[in-house]
C-alpha cells in the first residue's frame, strides 16, 4: 500500500525532504486519491512541493483508464498540479 510507505516516511521525519513529485499512469480511483492525499501531506510538510502530473488517461480517442478517473483528475488533481503534461487527447 502506498499510504503505508508514506506513513513510514512521515514517521521517520523525511516526508518534508521532497521538493518534487512526478506521477504518470494511475489506473485506479483508490490509488489516485492516495496520491492526492500524498500531495497534501508533502505540501503540508514542505510547502513548496512542485507536483508534475502526466495524466496518462488515453490517446487516439480511447481511454486507458476507468472513466471515473477523468472527473477525479478534472476536479481534484488539476487544481493541485504545478505542471500538467497531457497529450492532445487528454487536453
N, C-alpha and C. Protein backbone atom coordinates (compact mmCIF):
# COMPACT_ATOMS: atom_id res chain seq x y z
N UNK A 1 0.83 -1.19 0.00
CA UNK A 1 0.00 0.00 0.00
C UNK A 1 0.87 1.25 0.00
N UNK A 2 0.52 2.17 -0.88
CA UNK A 2 1.26 3.43 -0.98
C UNK A 2 1.22 4.19 0.33
N UNK A 3 0.04 4.25 0.96
CA UNK A 3 -0.06 5.07 2.15
C UNK A 3 0.79 4.53 3.29
N UNK A 4 0.99 3.24 3.36
CA UNK A 4 1.87 2.67 4.38
C UNK A 4 3.30 3.18 4.20
N UNK A 5 3.75 3.25 2.96
CA UNK A 5 5.08 3.79 2.67
C UNK A 5 5.17 5.26 3.05
N UNK A 6 4.13 6.01 2.70
CA UNK A 6 4.10 7.44 3.02
C UNK A 6 4.12 7.64 4.53
N UNK A 7 3.32 6.87 5.23
CA UNK A 7 3.27 6.98 6.69
C UNK A 7 4.63 6.69 7.31
N UNK A 8 5.34 5.70 6.76
CA UNK A 8 6.67 5.38 7.25
C UNK A 8 7.65 6.53 7.02
N UNK A 9 7.59 7.12 5.83
CA UNK A 9 8.45 8.28 5.55
C UNK A 9 8.16 9.42 6.50
N UNK A 10 6.88 9.66 6.72
CA UNK A 10 6.48 10.76 7.60
C UNK A 10 6.89 10.47 9.05
N UNK A 11 6.69 9.23 9.50
CA UNK A 11 7.05 8.86 10.87
C UNK A 11 8.54 9.01 11.12
N UNK A 12 9.34 8.84 10.08
CA UNK A 12 10.79 8.97 10.21
C UNK A 12 11.29 10.37 9.90
N UNK A 13 10.36 11.30 9.71
CA UNK A 13 10.72 12.69 9.53
C UNK A 13 11.33 13.04 8.19
N UNK A 14 11.14 12.22 7.18
CA UNK A 14 11.75 12.52 5.89
C UNK A 14 10.74 12.96 4.82
N UNK A 15 9.46 12.97 5.13
CA UNK A 15 8.46 13.38 4.14
C UNK A 15 8.64 14.84 3.71
N UNK A 16 9.20 15.65 4.57
CA UNK A 16 9.41 17.06 4.24
C UNK A 16 10.64 17.30 3.38
N UNK A 17 11.36 16.26 3.06
CA UNK A 17 12.57 16.41 2.26
C UNK A 17 12.36 16.36 0.77
N UNK A 18 11.15 16.15 0.34
CA UNK A 18 10.86 16.04 -1.08
C UNK A 18 10.47 17.40 -1.65
N UNK A 19 11.12 17.78 -2.74
CA UNK A 19 10.82 19.06 -3.38
C UNK A 19 9.92 18.89 -4.61
N UNK A 20 9.91 17.68 -5.19
CA UNK A 20 9.15 17.41 -6.40
C UNK A 20 8.45 16.06 -6.30
N UNK A 21 7.30 15.97 -6.96
CA UNK A 21 6.59 14.70 -7.11
C UNK A 21 6.15 14.61 -8.55
N UNK A 22 6.45 13.50 -9.21
CA UNK A 22 6.06 13.26 -10.60
C UNK A 22 5.19 12.02 -10.64
N UNK A 23 4.02 12.15 -11.25
CA UNK A 23 3.15 10.99 -11.43
C UNK A 23 2.85 10.79 -12.91
N UNK A 24 2.62 9.54 -13.26
CA UNK A 24 2.25 9.16 -14.62
C UNK A 24 0.98 8.34 -14.58
N UNK A 25 1.00 7.21 -15.25
CA UNK A 25 -0.20 6.36 -15.31
C UNK A 25 -0.64 5.92 -13.93
N UNK A 26 -1.91 6.13 -13.64
CA UNK A 26 -2.55 5.64 -12.42
C UNK A 26 -3.87 5.02 -12.85
N UNK A 27 -4.05 3.75 -12.57
CA UNK A 27 -5.20 3.02 -13.12
C UNK A 27 -6.38 2.81 -12.21
N UNK A 28 -6.33 3.34 -10.98
CA UNK A 28 -7.48 3.13 -10.09
C UNK A 28 -7.79 4.39 -9.30
N UNK A 29 -9.06 4.55 -8.99
CA UNK A 29 -9.50 5.72 -8.22
C UNK A 29 -8.90 5.70 -6.81
N UNK A 30 -8.79 4.54 -6.22
CA UNK A 30 -8.24 4.42 -4.88
C UNK A 30 -6.79 4.91 -4.84
N UNK A 31 -5.99 4.47 -5.81
CA UNK A 31 -4.59 4.88 -5.85
C UNK A 31 -4.48 6.38 -6.14
N UNK A 32 -5.32 6.88 -7.06
CA UNK A 32 -5.29 8.31 -7.39
C UNK A 32 -5.65 9.16 -6.18
N UNK A 33 -6.62 8.75 -5.42
CA UNK A 33 -6.99 9.51 -4.22
C UNK A 33 -5.88 9.46 -3.16
N UNK A 34 -5.13 8.36 -3.13
CA UNK A 34 -3.99 8.28 -2.23
C UNK A 34 -2.90 9.25 -2.67
N UNK A 35 -2.69 9.38 -3.97
CA UNK A 35 -1.72 10.36 -4.48
C UNK A 35 -2.16 11.77 -4.11
N UNK A 36 -3.44 12.05 -4.19
CA UNK A 36 -3.96 13.37 -3.80
C UNK A 36 -3.65 13.63 -2.33
N UNK A 37 -3.85 12.63 -1.49
CA UNK A 37 -3.50 12.77 -0.07
C UNK A 37 -2.01 13.00 0.11
N UNK A 38 -1.21 12.29 -0.69
CA UNK A 38 0.25 12.42 -0.62
C UNK A 38 0.68 13.84 -0.97
N UNK A 39 0.12 14.41 -2.02
CA UNK A 39 0.46 15.79 -2.39
C UNK A 39 0.14 16.73 -1.23
N UNK A 40 -1.02 16.54 -0.63
CA UNK A 40 -1.40 17.37 0.52
C UNK A 40 -0.42 17.24 1.68
N UNK A 41 -0.02 16.02 2.00
CA UNK A 41 0.91 15.81 3.10
C UNK A 41 2.27 16.41 2.80
N UNK A 42 2.78 16.18 1.59
CA UNK A 42 4.10 16.72 1.25
C UNK A 42 4.10 18.24 1.25
N UNK A 43 3.02 18.83 0.79
CA UNK A 43 2.93 20.31 0.83
C UNK A 43 2.80 20.81 2.26
N UNK A 44 2.13 20.05 3.09
CA UNK A 44 2.00 20.42 4.50
C UNK A 44 3.37 20.39 5.18
N UNK A 45 4.17 19.40 4.82
CA UNK A 45 5.48 19.24 5.45
C UNK A 45 6.53 20.20 4.89
N UNK A 46 6.42 20.53 3.59
CA UNK A 46 7.46 21.35 2.97
C UNK A 46 6.93 22.70 2.48
N UNK A 47 5.71 22.73 1.98
CA UNK A 47 5.12 23.98 1.50
C UNK A 47 5.40 24.29 0.04
N UNK A 48 6.60 24.01 -0.42
CA UNK A 48 6.97 24.41 -1.78
C UNK A 48 7.06 23.24 -2.75
N UNK A 49 6.33 22.17 -2.52
CA UNK A 49 6.37 21.00 -3.38
C UNK A 49 5.93 21.34 -4.80
N UNK A 50 6.69 20.90 -5.79
CA UNK A 50 6.30 21.01 -7.19
C UNK A 50 5.72 19.67 -7.60
N UNK A 51 4.46 19.68 -8.01
CA UNK A 51 3.79 18.45 -8.43
C UNK A 51 3.62 18.47 -9.94
N UNK A 52 4.33 17.56 -10.62
CA UNK A 52 4.26 17.42 -12.07
C UNK A 52 3.40 16.20 -12.38
N UNK A 53 2.30 16.43 -13.10
CA UNK A 53 1.34 15.37 -13.38
C UNK A 53 1.22 15.12 -14.88
N UNK A 54 1.58 13.92 -15.29
CA UNK A 54 1.27 13.45 -16.64
C UNK A 54 0.07 12.54 -16.47
N UNK A 55 -1.12 12.98 -16.87
CA UNK A 55 -2.33 12.25 -16.54
C UNK A 55 -2.45 10.86 -17.18
N UNK A 56 -1.87 10.61 -18.31
CA UNK A 56 -1.94 9.32 -19.00
C UNK A 56 -3.34 8.72 -18.91
N UNK A 57 -4.30 9.44 -19.48
CA UNK A 57 -5.69 8.99 -19.49
C UNK A 57 -6.05 8.19 -20.73
N UNK A 58 -5.42 8.50 -21.85
CA UNK A 58 -5.74 7.82 -23.09
C UNK A 58 -5.09 8.51 -24.27
N UNK A 59 -5.43 8.01 -25.46
CA UNK A 59 -4.88 8.57 -26.69
C UNK A 59 -5.70 8.06 -27.87
N UNK A 60 -5.64 8.78 -28.95
CA UNK A 60 -6.33 8.38 -30.19
C UNK A 60 -7.81 8.07 -29.96
N UNK A 61 -8.45 8.88 -29.09
CA UNK A 61 -9.89 8.74 -28.86
C UNK A 61 -10.28 7.61 -27.93
N UNK A 62 -9.34 6.97 -27.26
CA UNK A 62 -9.65 5.84 -26.39
C UNK A 62 -9.02 6.05 -25.01
N UNK A 63 -9.82 5.82 -23.97
CA UNK A 63 -9.31 5.90 -22.60
C UNK A 63 -8.52 4.65 -22.24
N UNK A 64 -7.42 4.84 -21.52
CA UNK A 64 -6.64 3.74 -20.97
C UNK A 64 -7.08 3.40 -19.55
N UNK A 65 -7.84 4.29 -18.96
CA UNK A 65 -8.20 4.18 -17.54
C UNK A 65 -9.72 4.13 -17.39
N UNK A 66 -10.22 3.70 -16.23
CA UNK A 66 -11.65 3.74 -15.99
C UNK A 66 -12.17 5.18 -16.12
N UNK A 67 -13.34 5.34 -16.68
CA UNK A 67 -13.91 6.67 -16.94
C UNK A 67 -14.05 7.52 -15.68
N UNK A 68 -14.26 6.88 -14.55
CA UNK A 68 -14.42 7.63 -13.30
C UNK A 68 -13.19 8.47 -12.96
N UNK A 69 -12.03 8.09 -13.46
CA UNK A 69 -10.82 8.84 -13.16
C UNK A 69 -10.78 10.20 -13.84
N UNK A 70 -11.46 10.33 -14.96
CA UNK A 70 -11.46 11.60 -15.69
C UNK A 70 -11.98 12.72 -14.79
N UNK A 71 -13.07 12.50 -14.11
CA UNK A 71 -13.63 13.52 -13.22
C UNK A 71 -12.74 13.80 -12.03
N UNK A 72 -12.11 12.77 -11.49
CA UNK A 72 -11.20 12.98 -10.36
C UNK A 72 -10.04 13.86 -10.80
N UNK A 73 -9.50 13.58 -11.98
CA UNK A 73 -8.42 14.44 -12.49
C UNK A 73 -8.91 15.87 -12.66
N UNK A 74 -10.06 16.05 -13.31
CA UNK A 74 -10.59 17.40 -13.56
C UNK A 74 -10.83 18.17 -12.26
N UNK A 75 -11.50 17.52 -11.33
CA UNK A 75 -11.95 18.22 -10.13
C UNK A 75 -10.91 18.30 -9.02
N UNK A 76 -10.03 17.31 -8.92
CA UNK A 76 -9.14 17.25 -7.77
C UNK A 76 -7.65 17.33 -8.10
N UNK A 77 -7.24 16.69 -9.17
CA UNK A 77 -5.81 16.64 -9.48
C UNK A 77 -5.33 17.90 -10.19
N UNK A 78 -6.06 18.34 -11.21
CA UNK A 78 -5.64 19.52 -11.97
C UNK A 78 -5.41 20.73 -11.06
N UNK A 79 -6.30 21.01 -10.11
CA UNK A 79 -6.04 22.17 -9.23
C UNK A 79 -4.79 22.02 -8.35
N UNK A 80 -4.37 20.79 -8.09
CA UNK A 80 -3.19 20.55 -7.24
C UNK A 80 -1.88 20.63 -8.01
N UNK A 81 -1.93 20.34 -9.30
CA UNK A 81 -0.71 20.21 -10.08
C UNK A 81 -0.02 21.55 -10.33
N UNK A 82 1.28 21.54 -10.20
CA UNK A 82 2.09 22.70 -10.55
C UNK A 82 2.31 22.75 -12.06
N UNK A 83 2.39 21.58 -12.66
CA UNK A 83 2.62 21.45 -14.10
C UNK A 83 1.90 20.21 -14.59
N UNK A 84 1.18 20.35 -15.70
CA UNK A 84 0.49 19.23 -16.34
C UNK A 84 1.13 18.96 -17.69
N UNK A 85 1.24 17.68 -18.07
CA UNK A 85 1.81 17.32 -19.36
C UNK A 85 0.87 16.39 -20.13
N UNK A 86 -0.34 16.84 -20.43
CA UNK A 86 -1.28 15.97 -21.16
C UNK A 86 -0.91 15.88 -22.65
N UNK A 87 -1.35 14.80 -23.27
CA UNK A 87 -1.25 14.72 -24.71
C UNK A 87 -2.47 15.42 -25.33
N UNK A 88 -2.58 15.45 -26.64
CA UNK A 88 -3.67 16.17 -27.31
C UNK A 88 -5.04 15.61 -26.91
N UNK A 89 -5.16 14.30 -26.83
CA UNK A 89 -6.43 13.66 -26.44
C UNK A 89 -6.83 14.06 -25.03
N UNK A 90 -5.87 14.13 -24.14
CA UNK A 90 -6.16 14.41 -22.73
C UNK A 90 -6.48 15.88 -22.47
N UNK A 91 -6.15 16.74 -23.41
CA UNK A 91 -6.47 18.16 -23.25
C UNK A 91 -7.96 18.35 -23.37
